[in-house]
Structures are given as C-alpha cells and as structure tokens.
Amino acid sequence: MPAEDWRRRYPLFPRLLFVLDGTGPVGVDNRVNALRSGSELTGADFLAALPILVAPLTDILRDGPSAPIWRPVTTPTEQVTWTHQR
C-alpha cells in the first residue's frame, strides 16, 4: 500500500530541539559544545539516530522557527531548518 502524500514530505521523528535564551553568540557556542559532548557520552548510535538541533530564542523570534536557524550539534557551523534530515 503506498504511503499517504503527507508522509512522503513530512520529516521523520523523533528529534530534539533546544531553544537557548539569555546568552550571546559565545554562550551559544559553549552550550552547543556542551550538548555535543554530553550526547557523545551516550554513544554514536544515539547521535546517528536522533538529530539534536539548537537555536537562540532571538533568532526564532526574528526569523521564525521554520527558518534555517537551527544548528546541528554534530556540525555546529551549519544552519538548517528544524525539518532537516541527514
């Protein structure tokens, strides 16, 4: 049986989204690094299976949550949409 049209376009879940507030760019970098370090402790399978994305609240308020403002903790210099798939 073919999948419904919306299922072909909708991203797979789960994923973790962290919204950061009360910090500047340096603080965001520090928190992304801390999240990456913490997630690495759970093992490579966890990071491969569960996308972890981070965005500052100021960017969400300015551009909206669907904008490419989310930074994957595995590649923090990249900015993607929250529906980004590897």
PDB file of N, CA and C in Angstrom:
ATOM      1  N   MET A   1       0.846  -1.184   0.000  1.00  0.00           N
ATOM      2  CA  MET A   1       0.000   0.000   0.000  1.00  0.00           C
ATOM      3  C   MET A   1       0.888   1.244   0.000  1.00  0.00           C
ATOM      4  N   PRO A   2       0.688   2.178  -0.933  1.00  0.00           N
ATOM      5  CA  PRO A   2       1.537   3.379  -0.972  1.00  0.00           C
ATOM      6  C   PRO A   2       1.269   4.292   0.232  1.00  0.00           C
ATOM      7  N   ALA A   3       2.319   4.985   0.647  1.00  0.00           N
ATOM      8  CA  ALA A   3       2.205   5.918   1.774  1.00  0.00           C
ATOM      9  C   ALA A   3       1.403   7.144   1.360  1.00  0.00           C
ATOM     10  N   GLU A   4       0.719   7.725   2.340  1.00  0.00           N
ATOM     11  CA  GLU A   4      -0.018   8.949   2.073  1.00  0.00           C
ATOM     12  C   GLU A   4       0.956  10.037   1.635  1.00  0.00           C
ATOM     13  N   ASP A   5       0.444  10.983   0.855  1.00  0.00           N
ATOM     14  CA  ASP A   5       1.280  12.048   0.316  1.00  0.00           C
ATOM     15  C   ASP A   5       2.002  12.823   1.414  1.00  0.00           C
ATOM     16  N   TRP A   6       1.318  13.151   2.511  1.00  0.00           N
ATOM     17  CA  TRP A   6       1.940  13.944   3.570  1.00  0.00           C
ATOM     18  C   TRP A   6       3.074  13.179   4.242  1.00  0.00           C
ATOM     19  N   ARG A   7       2.990  11.858   4.291  1.00  0.00           N
ATOM     20  CA  ARG A   7       4.053  11.074   4.936  1.00  0.00           C
ATOM     21  C   ARG A   7       5.351  11.098   4.125  1.00  0.00           C
ATOM     22  N   ARG A   8       5.236  11.232   2.821  1.00  0.00           N
ATOM     23  CA  ARG A   8       6.443  11.287   1.988  1.00  0.00           C
ATOM     24  C   ARG A   8       7.191  12.597   2.174  1.00  0.00           C
ATOM     25  N   ARG A   9       6.470  13.690   2.491  1.00  0.00           N
ATOM     26  CA  ARG A   9       7.098  15.003   2.630  1.00  0.00           C
ATOM     27  C   ARG A   9       7.439  15.350   4.065  1.00  0.00           C
ATOM     28  N   TYR A  10       6.792  14.725   5.031  1.00  0.00           N
ATOM     29  CA  TYR A  10       6.972  15.106   6.429  1.00  0.00           C
ATOM     30  C   TYR A  10       8.217  14.446   7.006  1.00  0.00           C
ATOM     31  N   PRO A  11       8.982  15.165   7.829  1.00  0.00           N
ATOM     32  CA  PRO A  11      10.226  14.592   8.356  1.00  0.00           C
ATOM     33  C   PRO A  11       9.961  13.454   9.335  1.00  0.00           C
ATOM     34  N   LEU A  12      10.942  12.596   9.429  1.00  0.00           N
ATOM     35  CA  LEU A  12      10.875  11.516  10.403  1.00  0.00           C
ATOM     36  C   LEU A  12      11.176  12.060  11.783  1.00  0.00           C
ATOM     37  N   PHE A  13      10.594  11.481  12.764  1.00  0.00           N
ATOM     38  CA  PHE A  13      10.817  11.874  14.144  1.00  0.00           C
ATOM     39  C   PHE A  13      11.375  10.684  14.877  1.00  0.00           C
ATOM     40  N   PRO A  14      11.927  10.801  16.012  1.00  0.00           N
ATOM     41  CA  PRO A  14      11.995  11.989  16.866  1.00  0.00           C
ATOM     42  C   PRO A  14      13.224  12.842  16.568  1.00  0.00           C
ATOM     43  N   ARG A  15      13.251  14.013  17.144  1.00  0.00           N
ATOM     44  CA  ARG A  15      14.403  14.917  17.113  1.00  0.00           C
ATOM     45  C   ARG A  15      14.321  15.783  18.363  1.00  0.00           C
ATOM     46  N   LEU A  16      15.450  16.267  18.793  1.00  0.00           N
ATOM     47  CA  LEU A  16      15.500  17.158  19.951  1.00  0.00           C
ATOM     48  C   LEU A  16      15.811  18.562  19.480  1.00  0.00           C
ATOM     49  N   LEU A  17      15.016  19.521  19.940  1.00  0.00           N
ATOM     50  CA  LEU A  17      15.245  20.925  19.625  1.00  0.00           C
ATOM     51  C   LEU A  17      15.484  21.663  20.934  1.00  0.00           C
ATOM     52  N   PHE A  18      16.614  22.364  21.015  1.00  0.00           N
ATOM     53  CA  PHE A  18      16.940  23.163  22.184  1.00  0.00           C
ATOM     54  C   PHE A  18      16.870  24.637  21.801  1.00  0.00           C
ATOM     55  N   VAL A  19      16.080  25.390  22.547  1.00  0.00           N
ATOM     56  CA  VAL A  19      15.979  26.833  22.353  1.00  0.00           C
ATOM     57  C   VAL A  19      16.803  27.484  23.457  1.00  0.00           C
ATOM     58  N   LEU A  20      17.792  28.284  23.062  1.00  0.00           N
ATOM     59  CA  LEU A  20      18.701  28.906  24.024  1.00  0.00           C
ATOM     60  C   LEU A  20      18.323  30.366  24.225  1.00  0.00           C
ATOM     61  N   ASP A  21      18.332  30.782  25.470  1.00  0.00           N
ATOM     62  CA  ASP A  21      17.987  32.156  25.803  1.00  0.00           C
ATOM     63  C   ASP A  21      18.949  32.649  26.874  1.00  0.00           C
ATOM     64  N   GLY A  22      19.112  33.961  26.943  1.00  0.00           N
ATOM     65  CA  GLY A  22      19.938  34.552  27.996  1.00  0.00           C
ATOM     66  C   GLY A  22      21.427  34.421  27.766  1.00  0.00           C
ATOM     67  N   THR A  23      21.841  34.318  26.502  1.00  0.00           N
ATOM     68  CA  THR A  23      23.267  34.211  26.199  1.00  0.00           C
ATOM     69  C   THR A  23      23.541  34.822  24.827  1.00  0.00           C
ATOM     70  N   GLY A  24      24.746  35.270  24.642  1.00  0.00           N
ATOM     71  CA  GLY A  24      25.165  35.814  23.352  1.00  0.00           C
ATOM     72  C   GLY A  24      25.754  34.719  22.479  1.00  0.00           C
ATOM     73  N   PRO A  25      26.368  35.098  21.363  1.00  0.00           N
ATOM     74  CA  PRO A  25      26.939  34.124  20.434  1.00  0.00           C
ATOM     75  C   PRO A  25      27.972  33.191  21.065  1.00  0.00           C
ATOM     76  N   VAL A  26      28.812  33.724  21.941  1.00  0.00           N
ATOM     77  CA  VAL A  26      29.820  32.880  22.594  1.00  0.00           C
ATOM     78  C   VAL A  26      29.142  31.862  23.502  1.00  0.00           C
ATOM     79  N   GLY A  27      28.112  32.298  24.220  1.00  0.00           N
ATOM     80  CA  GLY A  27      27.367  31.390  25.073  1.00  0.00           C
ATOM     81  C   GLY A  27      26.663  30.299  24.282  1.00  0.00           C
ATOM     82  N   VAL A  28      26.137  30.655  23.116  1.00  0.00           N
ATOM     83  CA  VAL A  28      25.501  29.654  22.252  1.00  0.00           C
ATOM     84  C   VAL A  28      26.536  28.610  21.838  1.00  0.00           C
ATOM     85  N   ASP A  29      27.717  29.068  21.421  1.00  0.00           N
ATOM     86  CA  ASP A  29      28.782  28.128  21.033  1.00  0.00           C
ATOM     87  C   ASP A  29      29.142  27.204  22.188  1.00  0.00           C
ATOM     88  N   ASN A  30      29.262  27.757  23.382  1.00  0.00           N
ATOM     89  CA  ASN A  30      29.603  26.943  24.551  1.00  0.00           C
ATOM     90  C   ASN A  30      28.526  25.898  24.835  1.00  0.00           C
ATOM     91  N   ARG A  31      27.280  26.294  24.732  1.00  0.00           N
ATOM     92  CA  ARG A  31      26.186  25.362  25.005  1.00  0.00           C
ATOM     93  C   ARG A  31      26.076  24.292  23.930  1.00  0.00           C
ATOM     94  N   VAL A  32      26.311  24.652  22.674  1.00  0.00           N
ATOM     95  CA  VAL A  32      26.313  23.656  21.598  1.00  0.00           C
ATOM     96  C   VAL A  32      27.415  22.632  21.857  1.00  0.00           C
ATOM     97  N   ASN A  33      28.592  23.113  22.223  1.00  0.00           N
ATOM     98  CA  ASN A  33      29.700  22.193  22.520  1.00  0.00           C
ATOM     99  C   ASN A  33      29.374  21.290  23.701  1.00  0.00           C
ATOM    100  N   ALA A  34      28.725  21.840  24.724  1.00  0.00           N
ATOM    101  CA  ALA A  34      28.352  21.032  25.883  1.00  0.00           C
ATOM    102  C   ALA A  34      27.314  19.974  25.504  1.00  0.00           C
ATOM    103  N   LEU A  35      26.346  20.344  24.685  1.00  0.00           N
ATOM    104  CA  LEU A  35      25.347  19.373  24.240  1.00  0.00           C
ATOM    105  C   LEU A  35      25.982  18.272  23.395  1.00  0.00           C
ATOM    106  N   ARG A  36      26.899  18.652  22.515  1.00  0.00           N
ATOM    107  CA  ARG A  36      27.589  17.652  21.698  1.00  0.00           C
ATOM    108  C   ARG A  36      28.387  16.709  22.585  1.00  0.00           C
ATOM    109  N   SER A  37      29.117  17.255  23.535  1.00  0.00           N
ATOM    110  CA  SER A  37      29.916  16.417  24.442  1.00  0.00           C
ATOM    111  C   SER A  37      29.018  15.473  25.237  1.00  0.00           C
ATOM    112  N   GLY A  38      27.923  15.991  25.753  1.00  0.00           N
ATOM    113  CA  GLY A  38      27.013  15.152  26.517  1.00  0.00           C
ATOM    114  C   GLY A  38      26.374  14.066  25.679  1.00  0.00           C
ATOM    115  N   SER A  39      26.005  14.405  24.454  1.00  0.00           N
ATOM    116  CA  SER A  39      25.373  13.404  23.593  1.00  0.00           C
ATOM    117  C   SER A  39      26.369  12.345  23.136  1.00  0.00           C
ATOM    118  N   GLU A  40      27.644  12.711  23.020  1.00  0.00           N
ATOM    119  CA  GLU A  40      28.671  11.730  22.651  1.00  0.00           C
ATOM    120  C   GLU A  40      28.843  10.671  23.730  1.00  0.00           C
ATOM    121  N   LEU A  41      28.541  11.023  24.969  1.00  0.00           N
ATOM    122  CA  LEU A  41      28.646  10.057  26.061  1.00  0.00           C
ATOM    123  C   LEU A  41      27.627   8.930  25.927  1.00  0.00           C
ATOM    124  N   THR A  42      26.531   9.194  25.216  1.00  0.00           N
ATOM    125  CA  THR A  42      25.502   8.173  25.044  1.00  0.00           C
ATOM    126  C   THR A  42      25.853   7.177  23.951  1.00  0.00           C
ATOM    127  N   GLY A  43      26.834   7.482  23.132  1.00  0.00           N
ATOM    128  CA  GLY A  43      27.263   6.578  22.068  1.00  0.00           C
ATOM    129  C   GLY A  43      26.925   7.110  20.695  1.00  0.00           C
ATOM    130  N   ALA A  44      27.638   6.613  19.708  1.00  0.00           N
ATOM    131  CA  ALA A  44      27.481   7.074  18.326  1.00  0.00           C
ATOM    132  C   ALA A  44      26.097   6.748  17.778  1.00  0.00           C
ATOM    133  N   ASP A  45      25.495   5.663  18.217  1.00  0.00           N
ATOM    134  CA  ASP A  45      24.171   5.293  17.720  1.00  0.00           C
ATOM    135  C   ASP A  45      23.139   6.355  18.061  1.00  0.00           C
ATOM    136  N   PHE A  46      23.270   6.940  19.240  1.00  0.00           N
ATOM    137  CA  PHE A  46      22.314   7.968  19.668  1.00  0.00           C
ATOM    138  C   PHE A  46      22.381   9.172  18.742  1.00  0.00           C
ATOM    139  N   LEU A  47      23.585   9.662  18.471  1.00  0.00           N
ATOM    140  CA  LEU A  47      23.732  10.832  17.598  1.00  0.00           C
ATOM    141  C   LEU A  47      23.297  10.533  16.170  1.00  0.00           C
ATOM    142  N   ALA A  48      23.505   9.314  15.723  1.00  0.00           N
ATOM    143  CA  ALA A  48      23.094   8.957  14.365  1.00  0.00           C
ATOM    144  C   ALA A  48      21.580   8.825  14.251  1.00  0.00           C
ATOM    145  N   ALA A  49      20.937   8.375  15.310  1.00  0.00           N
ATOM    146  CA  ALA A  49      19.501   8.111  15.269  1.00  0.00           C
ATOM    147  C   ALA A  49      18.645   9.317  15.624  1.00  0.00           C
ATOM    148  N   LEU A  50      19.201  10.257  16.373  1.00  0.00           N
ATOM    149  CA  LEU A  50      18.385  11.356  16.899  1.00  0.00           C
ATOM    150  C   LEU A  50      19.032  12.700  16.600  1.00  0.00           C
ATOM    151  N   PRO A  51      18.509  13.450  15.624  1.00  0.00           N
ATOM    152  CA  PRO A  51      19.059  14.776  15.359  1.00  0.00           C
ATOM    153  C   PRO A  51      18.849  15.695  16.566  1.00  0.00           C
ATOM    154  N   ILE A  52      19.896  16.396  16.941  1.00  0.00           N
ATOM    155  CA  ILE A  52      19.826  17.362  18.039  1.00  0.00           C
ATOM    156  C   ILE A  52      20.152  18.725  17.445  1.00  0.00           C
ATOM    157  N   LEU A  53      19.188  19.639  17.507  1.00  0.00           N
ATOM    158  CA  LEU A  53      19.341  20.959  16.909  1.00  0.00           C
ATOM    159  C   LEU A  53      19.191  22.030  17.978  1.00  0.00           C
ATOM    160  N   VAL A  54      19.933  23.132  17.792  1.00  0.00           N
ATOM    161  CA  VAL A  54      19.963  24.230  18.756  1.00  0.00           C
ATOM    162  C   VAL A  54      19.727  25.542  18.015  1.00  0.00           C
ATOM    163  N   ALA A  55      18.933  26.442  18.628  1.00  0.00           N
ATOM    164  CA  ALA A  55      18.727  27.774  18.056  1.00  0.00           C
ATOM    165  C   ALA A  55      18.536  28.784  19.179  1.00  0.00           C
ATOM    166  N   PRO A  56      19.121  29.973  19.036  1.00  0.00           N
ATOM    167  CA  PRO A  56      18.873  31.037  20.009  1.00  0.00           C
ATOM    168  C   PRO A  56      17.438  31.555  19.884  1.00  0.00           C
ATOM    169  N   LEU A  57      16.831  31.867  21.001  1.00  0.00           N
ATOM    170  CA  LEU A  57      15.472  32.393  21.007  1.00  0.00           C
ATOM    171  C   LEU A  57      15.370  33.672  20.180  1.00  0.00           C
ATOM    172  N   THR A  58      16.397  34.510  20.220  1.00  0.00           N
ATOM    173  CA  THR A  58      16.360  35.757  19.447  1.00  0.00           C
ATOM    174  C   THR A  58      16.223  35.477  17.948  1.00  0.00           C
ATOM    175  N   ASP A  59      16.888  34.424  17.451  1.00  0.00           N
ATOM    176  CA  ASP A  59      16.772  34.064  16.031  1.00  0.00           C
ATOM    177  C   ASP A  59      15.381  33.530  15.712  1.00  0.00           C
ATOM    178  N   ILE A  60      14.814  32.759  16.627  1.00  0.00           N
ATOM    179  CA  ILE A  60      13.467  32.224  16.411  1.00  0.00           C
ATOM    180  C   ILE A  60      12.455  33.363  16.356  1.00  0.00           C
ATOM    181  N   LEU A  61      12.583  34.316  17.269  1.00  0.00           N
ATOM    182  CA  LEU A  61      11.649  35.452  17.288  1.00  0.00           C
ATOM    183  C   LEU A  61      11.812  36.332  16.056  1.00  0.00           C
ATOM    184  N   ARG A  62      13.041  36.485  15.577  1.00  0.00           N
ATOM    185  CA  ARG A  62      13.306  37.339  14.418  1.00  0.00           C
ATOM    186  C   ARG A  62      12.898  36.663  13.113  1.00  0.00           C
ATOM    187  N   ASP A  63      13.294  35.393  12.919  1.00  0.00           N
ATOM    188  CA  ASP A  63      13.127  34.719  11.628  1.00  0.00           C
ATOM    189  C   ASP A  63      12.012  33.682  11.597  1.00  0.00           C
ATOM    190  N   GLY A  64      11.551  33.255  12.753  1.00  0.00           N
ATOM    191  CA  GLY A  64      10.538  32.209  12.829  1.00  0.00           C
ATOM    192  C   GLY A  64      11.170  30.840  12.978  1.00  0.00           C
ATOM    193  N   PRO A  65      10.463  29.916  13.594  1.00  0.00           N
ATOM    194  CA  PRO A  65      11.036  28.593  13.871  1.00  0.00           C
ATOM    195  C   PRO A  65      11.268  27.742  12.637  1.00  0.00           C
ATOM    196  N   SER A  66      10.647  28.075  11.517  1.00  0.00           N
ATOM    197  CA  SER A  66      10.837  27.285  10.298  1.00  0.00           C
ATOM    198  C   SER A  66      12.034  27.743   9.475  1.00  0.00           C
ATOM    199  N   ALA A  67      12.647  28.849   9.860  1.00  0.00           N
ATOM    200  CA  ALA A  67      13.804  29.376   9.117  1.00  0.00           C
ATOM    201  C   ALA A  67      15.028  28.487   9.350  1.00  0.00           C
ATOM    202  N   PRO A  68      16.008  28.568   8.472  1.00  0.00           N
ATOM    203  CA  PRO A  68      17.231  27.781   8.653  1.00  0.00           C
ATOM    204  C   PRO A  68      18.147  28.415   9.710  1.00  0.00           C
ATOM    205  N   ILE A  69      17.705  28.373  10.956  1.00  0.00           N
ATOM    206  CA  ILE A  69      18.443  28.968  12.078  1.00  0.00           C
ATOM    207  C   ILE A  69      18.942  27.908  13.043  1.00  0.00           C
ATOM    208  N   TRP A  70      18.563  26.670  12.824  1.00  0.00           N
ATOM    209  CA  TRP A  70      18.903  25.577  13.744  1.00  0.00           C
ATOM    210  C   TRP A  70      20.282  25.039  13.429  1.00  0.00           C
ATOM    211  N   ARG A  71      21.071  24.814  14.473  1.00  0.00           N
ATOM    212  CA  ARG A  71      22.437  24.310  14.322  1.00  0.00           C
ATOM    213  C   ARG A  71      22.512  22.884  14.846  1.00  0.00           C
ATOM    214  N   PRO A  72      22.851  21.918  13.995  1.00  0.00           N
ATOM    215  CA  PRO A  72      23.034  20.551  14.480  1.00  0.00           C
ATOM    216  C   PRO A  72      24.235  20.497  15.425  1.00  0.00           C
ATOM    217  N   VAL A  73      24.108  19.781  16.529  1.00  0.00           N
ATOM    218  CA  VAL A  73      25.232  19.723  17.469  1.00  0.00           C
ATOM    219  C   VAL A  73      26.408  18.954  16.874  1.00  0.00           C
ATOM    220  N   THR A  74      26.165  18.116  15.871  1.00  0.00           N
ATOM    221  CA  THR A  74      27.264  17.384  15.240  1.00  0.00           C
ATOM    222  C   THR A  74      28.028  18.231  14.234  1.00  0.00           C
ATOM    223  N   THR A  75      27.372  19.249  13.669  1.00  0.00           N
ATOM    224  CA  THR A  75      28.010  20.172  12.716  1.00  0.00           C
ATOM    225  C   THR A  75      27.555  21.586  13.049  1.00  0.00           C
ATOM    226  N   PRO A  76      28.060  22.166  14.134  1.00  0.00           N
ATOM    227  CA  PRO A  76      27.521  23.431  14.639  1.00  0.00           C
ATOM    228  C   PRO A  76      27.741  24.653  13.753  1.00  0.00           C
ATOM    229  N   THR A  77      28.592  24.570  12.750  1.00  0.00           N
ATOM    230  CA  THR A  77      28.768  25.718  11.854  1.00  0.00           C
ATOM    231  C   THR A  77      27.694  25.747  10.768  1.00  0.00           C
ATOM    232  N   GLU A  78      26.968  24.659  10.618  1.00  0.00           N
ATOM    233  CA  GLU A  78      25.897  24.556   9.628  1.00  0.00           C
ATOM    234  C   GLU A  78      24.602  25.096  10.231  1.00  0.00           C
ATOM    235  N   GLN A  79      23.759  25.725   9.416  1.00  0.00           N
ATOM    236  CA  GLN A  79      22.437  26.163   9.857  1.00  0.00           C
ATOM    237  C   GLN A  79      21.403  25.541   8.941  1.00  0.00           C
ATOM    238  N   VAL A  80      20.404  24.907   9.554  1.00  0.00           N
ATOM    239  CA  VAL A  80      19.406  24.153   8.803  1.00  0.00           C
ATOM    240  C   VAL A  80      17.999  24.483   9.324  1.00  0.00           C
ATOM    241  N   THR A  81      16.981  23.997   8.631  1.00  0.00           N
ATOM    242  CA  THR A  81      15.623  24.084   9.157  1.00  0.00           C
ATOM    243  C   THR A  81      15.418  22.974  10.170  1.00  0.00           C
ATOM    244  N   TRP A  82      14.399  23.098  11.000  1.00  0.00           N
ATOM    245  CA  TRP A  82      14.193  22.065  12.024  1.00  0.00           C
ATOM    246  C   TRP A  82      13.752  20.748  11.404  1.00  0.00           C
ATOM    247  N   THR A  83      13.296  20.774  10.155  1.00  0.00           N
ATOM    248  CA  THR A  83      12.894  19.540   9.470  1.00  0.00           C
ATOM    249  C   THR A  83      14.050  18.899   8.706  1.00  0.00           C
ATOM    250  N   HIS A  84      15.234  19.436   8.885  1.00  0.00           N
ATOM    251  CA  HIS A  84      16.440  18.940   8.215  1.00  0.00           C
ATOM    252  C   HIS A  84      16.616  17.446   8.457  1.00  0.00           C
ATOM    253  N   GLN A  85      16.950  16.734   7.401  1.00  0.00           N
ATOM    254  CA  GLN A  85      17.250  15.315   7.526  1.00  0.00           C
ATOM    255  C   GLN A  85      18.653  15.073   7.016  1.00  0.00           C
ATOM    256  N   ARG A  86      19.338  14.187   7.665  1.00  0.00           N
ATOM    257  CA  ARG A  86      20.714  13.861   7.246  1.00  0.00           C
ATOM    258  C   ARG A  86      20.740  13.057   6.009  1.00  0.00           C
TER     259      ARG A  86
END
